[in-house]
Protein backbone atom coordinates (compact mmCIF):
# COMPACT_ATOMS: atom_id res chain seq x y z
CA MET A 1 25.58 -113.31 68.94
CA GLY A 2 26.25 -110.25 70.23
CA GLU A 3 24.36 -109.58 73.53
CA ARG A 4 25.12 -106.39 74.42
CA ILE A 5 22.34 -103.65 73.96
CA LEU A 6 23.20 -100.95 71.53
CA ALA A 7 23.69 -97.54 73.04
CA ARG A 8 21.04 -94.75 72.55
CA ASP A 9 23.55 -92.73 70.98
CA PHE A 10 23.39 -95.23 68.00
CA PHE A 11 19.79 -94.15 67.29
CA ASP A 12 20.56 -90.32 67.87
CA ARG A 13 21.50 -89.65 64.19
CA PRO A 14 19.64 -89.08 60.91
CA ALA A 15 17.40 -92.41 60.13
CA PRO A 16 19.01 -92.59 56.88
CA GLU A 17 22.66 -93.30 58.54
CA VAL A 18 21.08 -95.53 61.35
CA ALA A 19 18.80 -98.04 58.89
CA PRO A 20 21.67 -99.85 57.28
CA GLY A 21 23.47 -100.13 60.52
CA LEU A 22 20.62 -101.96 61.93
CA LEU A 23 20.98 -104.92 59.71
CA GLY A 24 22.34 -107.80 61.55
CA ARG A 25 21.31 -106.48 64.66
CA VAL A 26 18.80 -108.26 67.01
CA LEU A 27 15.34 -107.31 68.32
CA ARG A 28 14.08 -109.43 71.81
CA HIS A 29 10.98 -109.39 73.14
CA GLY A 30 10.89 -112.15 75.78
CA PRO A 31 11.81 -115.72 74.52
CA VAL A 32 11.52 -114.69 70.63
CA ALA A 33 14.49 -112.67 68.82
CA VAL A 34 14.55 -111.33 65.32
CA ARG A 35 17.70 -110.63 63.53
CA LEU A 36 17.24 -107.92 61.28
CA THR A 37 17.56 -108.31 57.39
CA GLU A 38 15.35 -105.24 55.90
CA VAL A 39 14.44 -101.83 57.24
CA GLU A 40 13.12 -98.37 55.77
CA ALA A 41 14.09 -94.97 56.97
CA TYR A 42 11.74 -92.29 57.40
CA GLY A 43 12.85 -88.92 57.64
CA PRO A 44 11.76 -85.86 60.45
CA PRO A 45 8.86 -83.38 59.80
CA GLY A 46 8.60 -81.70 56.59
CA ALA A 47 11.61 -83.45 54.84
CA ASP A 48 9.82 -86.75 54.28
CA PRO A 49 6.17 -86.76 52.82
CA ALA A 50 6.17 -90.33 53.28
CA SER A 51 6.95 -90.01 57.12
CA HIS A 52 4.09 -90.15 59.55
CA THR A 53 5.59 -87.11 61.00
CA TYR A 54 5.58 -85.32 57.99
CA ARG A 55 2.60 -82.69 59.10
CA GLY A 56 3.96 -82.57 62.45
CA ARG A 57 3.22 -84.17 66.03
CA THR A 58 -0.22 -85.71 66.72
CA PRO A 59 -1.40 -88.34 69.18
CA ARG A 60 -0.85 -91.34 66.86
CA ASN A 61 2.77 -90.29 65.94
CA ALA A 62 3.79 -88.65 69.46
CA VAL A 63 6.29 -91.62 70.32
CA MET A 64 8.08 -90.65 66.91
CA PHE A 65 9.12 -87.08 68.62
CA GLY A 66 10.55 -88.50 71.90
CA PRO A 67 14.03 -90.24 72.46
CA PRO A 68 15.88 -92.29 70.60
CA GLY A 69 15.61 -95.93 70.89
CA HIS A 70 12.09 -96.15 71.82
CA LEU A 71 9.45 -98.16 69.79
CA TYR A 72 6.90 -96.46 67.61
CA VAL A 73 4.00 -98.98 67.15
CA TYR A 74 0.80 -98.09 64.82
CA PHE A 75 -1.81 -99.99 63.29
CA THR A 76 -2.07 -100.10 59.67
CA TYR A 77 -5.02 -100.87 57.47
CA GLY A 78 -7.39 -101.80 60.07
CA MET A 79 -5.57 -105.12 60.49
CA HIS A 80 -1.88 -105.24 61.68
CA TYR A 81 0.77 -103.67 63.83
CA CYS A 82 3.90 -102.26 62.46
CA ALA A 83 6.92 -101.37 64.28
CA ASN A 84 9.70 -98.35 63.83
CA LEU A 85 12.75 -97.60 66.14
CA VAL A 86 12.80 -94.08 66.96
CA CYS A 87 15.84 -91.80 65.94
CA LEU A 88 17.54 -88.39 65.96
CA PRO A 89 16.97 -86.22 69.54
CA GLU A 90 13.61 -85.88 71.17
CA GLY A 91 11.36 -83.56 69.50
CA GLU A 92 12.62 -84.57 65.72
CA GLY A 93 10.13 -86.98 64.72
CA SER A 94 12.13 -89.92 62.48
CA GLY A 95 12.27 -93.44 62.39
CA VAL A 96 13.44 -96.67 61.00
CA LEU A 97 10.57 -99.08 60.22
CA LEU A 98 11.52 -102.80 60.76
CA ARG A 99 10.60 -104.40 57.92
CA ALA A 100 11.66 -108.21 57.83
CA GLY A 101 13.79 -110.54 59.84
CA GLU A 102 14.86 -113.97 60.74
CA VAL A 103 13.35 -115.27 63.81
CA ILE A 104 16.73 -116.68 65.76
CA GLU A 105 15.20 -117.52 68.78
CA GLY A 106 11.41 -118.86 69.64
CA ALA A 107 10.50 -120.15 66.09
CA GLU A 108 7.90 -122.32 67.49
CA ILE A 109 6.33 -119.27 69.78
CA ALA A 110 6.54 -116.97 66.60
CA ARG A 111 4.33 -119.68 64.25
CA THR A 112 1.75 -119.98 67.04
CA ARG A 113 1.59 -116.35 66.84
CA ARG A 114 1.04 -116.55 63.41
CA HIS A 115 -2.32 -118.19 63.71
CA ARG A 116 -3.57 -116.65 66.83
CA PRO A 117 -2.35 -113.32 67.17
CA ALA A 118 -3.58 -111.37 70.41
CA ASP A 119 -5.42 -108.55 68.75
CA ALA A 120 -5.27 -108.18 65.24
CA ALA A 121 -6.01 -110.39 62.02
CA ALA A 122 -4.67 -113.79 61.83
CA LEU A 123 -2.01 -113.79 59.01
CA THR A 124 -1.80 -117.58 58.35
CA ARG A 125 -4.79 -120.03 58.40
CA PRO A 126 -4.44 -122.54 60.90
CA GLY A 127 -3.13 -125.94 59.58
CA ARG A 128 -1.35 -124.13 56.64
CA PRO A 129 2.68 -124.94 56.25
CA LEU A 130 4.84 -121.87 57.61
CA PRO A 131 8.55 -121.86 56.12
CA GLU A 132 10.94 -120.82 58.77
CA ARG A 133 11.88 -117.96 56.39
CA ASP A 134 8.49 -116.29 56.37
CA LEU A 135 7.97 -116.22 60.02
CA ALA A 136 8.99 -112.26 60.23
CA ARG A 137 9.17 -111.72 56.31
CA GLY A 138 7.16 -108.34 56.45
CA PRO A 139 6.70 -105.79 58.75
CA ALA A 140 3.44 -107.01 59.87
CA ARG A 141 4.79 -110.51 60.29
CA LEU A 142 7.64 -109.43 62.23
CA ALA A 143 5.51 -107.71 64.64
CA VAL A 144 3.27 -110.52 65.05
CA ALA A 145 6.26 -113.01 65.53
CA LEU A 146 7.82 -110.88 68.27
CA GLY A 147 4.18 -110.02 70.11
CA ILE A 148 4.45 -106.42 69.13
CA ARG A 149 0.80 -104.58 69.75
CA ARG A 150 -0.32 -101.37 70.37
CA GLU A 151 0.48 -101.38 74.37
CA HIS A 152 4.34 -101.56 73.27
CA ASP A 153 4.20 -98.00 71.95
CA GLY A 154 6.91 -96.15 73.51
CA ALA A 155 8.77 -99.10 74.76
CA ASP A 156 12.46 -98.18 75.32
CA CYS A 157 14.73 -100.60 73.74
CA CYS A 158 18.06 -99.48 75.07
CA ALA A 159 17.13 -99.13 78.92
CA GLY A 160 19.11 -102.55 79.87
CA PRO A 161 18.46 -106.20 80.24
CA GLU A 162 15.66 -105.96 82.59
CA ARG A 163 13.25 -104.10 80.21
CA GLU A 164 10.69 -106.13 78.13
CA PHE A 165 12.44 -105.05 74.72
CA GLN A 166 16.10 -104.93 73.81
CA ILE A 167 17.78 -104.24 70.86
CA LEU A 168 21.34 -106.21 70.72
CA GLU A 169 24.49 -105.45 68.97
CA GLY A 170 24.07 -109.06 67.05
CA GLU A 171 26.70 -109.21 64.28
CA PRO A 172 26.57 -106.43 61.92
CA VAL A 173 26.54 -107.08 58.11
CA ASP A 174 29.24 -106.77 55.95
CA PRO A 175 28.58 -103.50 54.20
CA ALA A 176 29.31 -104.99 50.97
CA LEU A 177 26.02 -107.12 51.40
CA VAL A 178 23.99 -104.18 52.08
CA GLN A 179 21.84 -103.09 49.34
CA ALA A 180 19.46 -99.77 49.00
CA GLY A 181 16.64 -99.03 46.99
CA PRO A 182 13.16 -97.53 46.82
CA ARG A 183 10.89 -98.03 49.99
CA THR A 184 8.23 -100.06 49.56
CA GLY A 185 4.11 -98.98 48.69
CA VAL A 186 4.60 -95.49 49.57
CA SER A 187 2.84 -93.09 47.06
CA SER A 188 5.05 -90.17 48.30
CA ALA A 189 8.80 -89.68 47.78
CA ALA A 190 8.24 -93.10 46.02
CA ASP A 191 11.89 -93.26 44.88
CA THR A 192 13.95 -92.20 47.50
CA PRO A 193 16.30 -95.18 48.03
CA TRP A 194 15.74 -95.62 51.74
CA ARG A 195 14.89 -99.09 51.74
CA PHE A 196 18.08 -101.19 53.15
CA TRP A 197 18.06 -104.95 53.09
CA VAL A 198 20.84 -107.90 53.47
CA ALA A 199 21.63 -109.27 49.45
CA GLY A 200 20.45 -112.42 49.29
CA ASP A 201 18.77 -113.19 52.51
CA PRO A 202 15.60 -115.44 52.05
CA THR A 203 13.88 -113.54 54.83
CA VAL A 204 13.78 -110.19 52.78
CA SER A 205 10.42 -109.36 51.73
CA PRO A 206 9.43 -108.45 48.07
CA TYR A 207 9.38 -105.34 46.94
CA ARG A 208 6.35 -103.45 45.88
CA ARG A 209 5.41 -100.38 44.27
CA HIS A 210 2.88 -98.26 45.12
CA VAL A 211 -0.07 -98.59 43.01
CA PRO A 212 -2.84 -95.80 43.16
CA ARG A 213 -6.11 -97.17 43.51
CA THR A 214 -8.68 -96.53 40.67
CA ARG A 215 -12.43 -96.25 40.93
CA PRO A 216 -14.96 -97.95 39.07
CA GLY A 217 -16.19 -96.34 36.33
């Protein structure tokens, strides 16, 4: 596995260009490392209605407007965290959601976290069998496996080996194995093909199109 940290310049590009190049890269947090197998790109303000930055900067999304190569962490559905890597120069507001990956180091720690996450709802009942392919299969599971919490919002993944998080070169995926399609569960720009994944990889999450909620009549 390539242990060199990705250069910040790698992220200083539009998210749809960065996203497929992240497949096969490795995000490490302490004893746990995840090889990325599925990601989604989100564009800058005014350009992508599905992006958290579409309407501009807020306290919640401020990190997305910071330097590239940092983690943007947010809480979703009042239950779980999700993590993005910030793209484009400072002030632009774009990023790549980390949707799924393969735990290649620290699998037992990741498995324990699934039953007892630090400050979010448990994703798996204690005692329930948990296949290794499911440890980071989905954005919330990936965040739990890596121990990502709100306090990590803004963490620099490109600064050096002494930092808490590192995004490593890993082994980039053969472009022939990279597939693209609509993003999962978004209600706006639902057909924009900015979800990228490794064809045939068992850790890739199922695609689910957004279904509007209907109120009881």
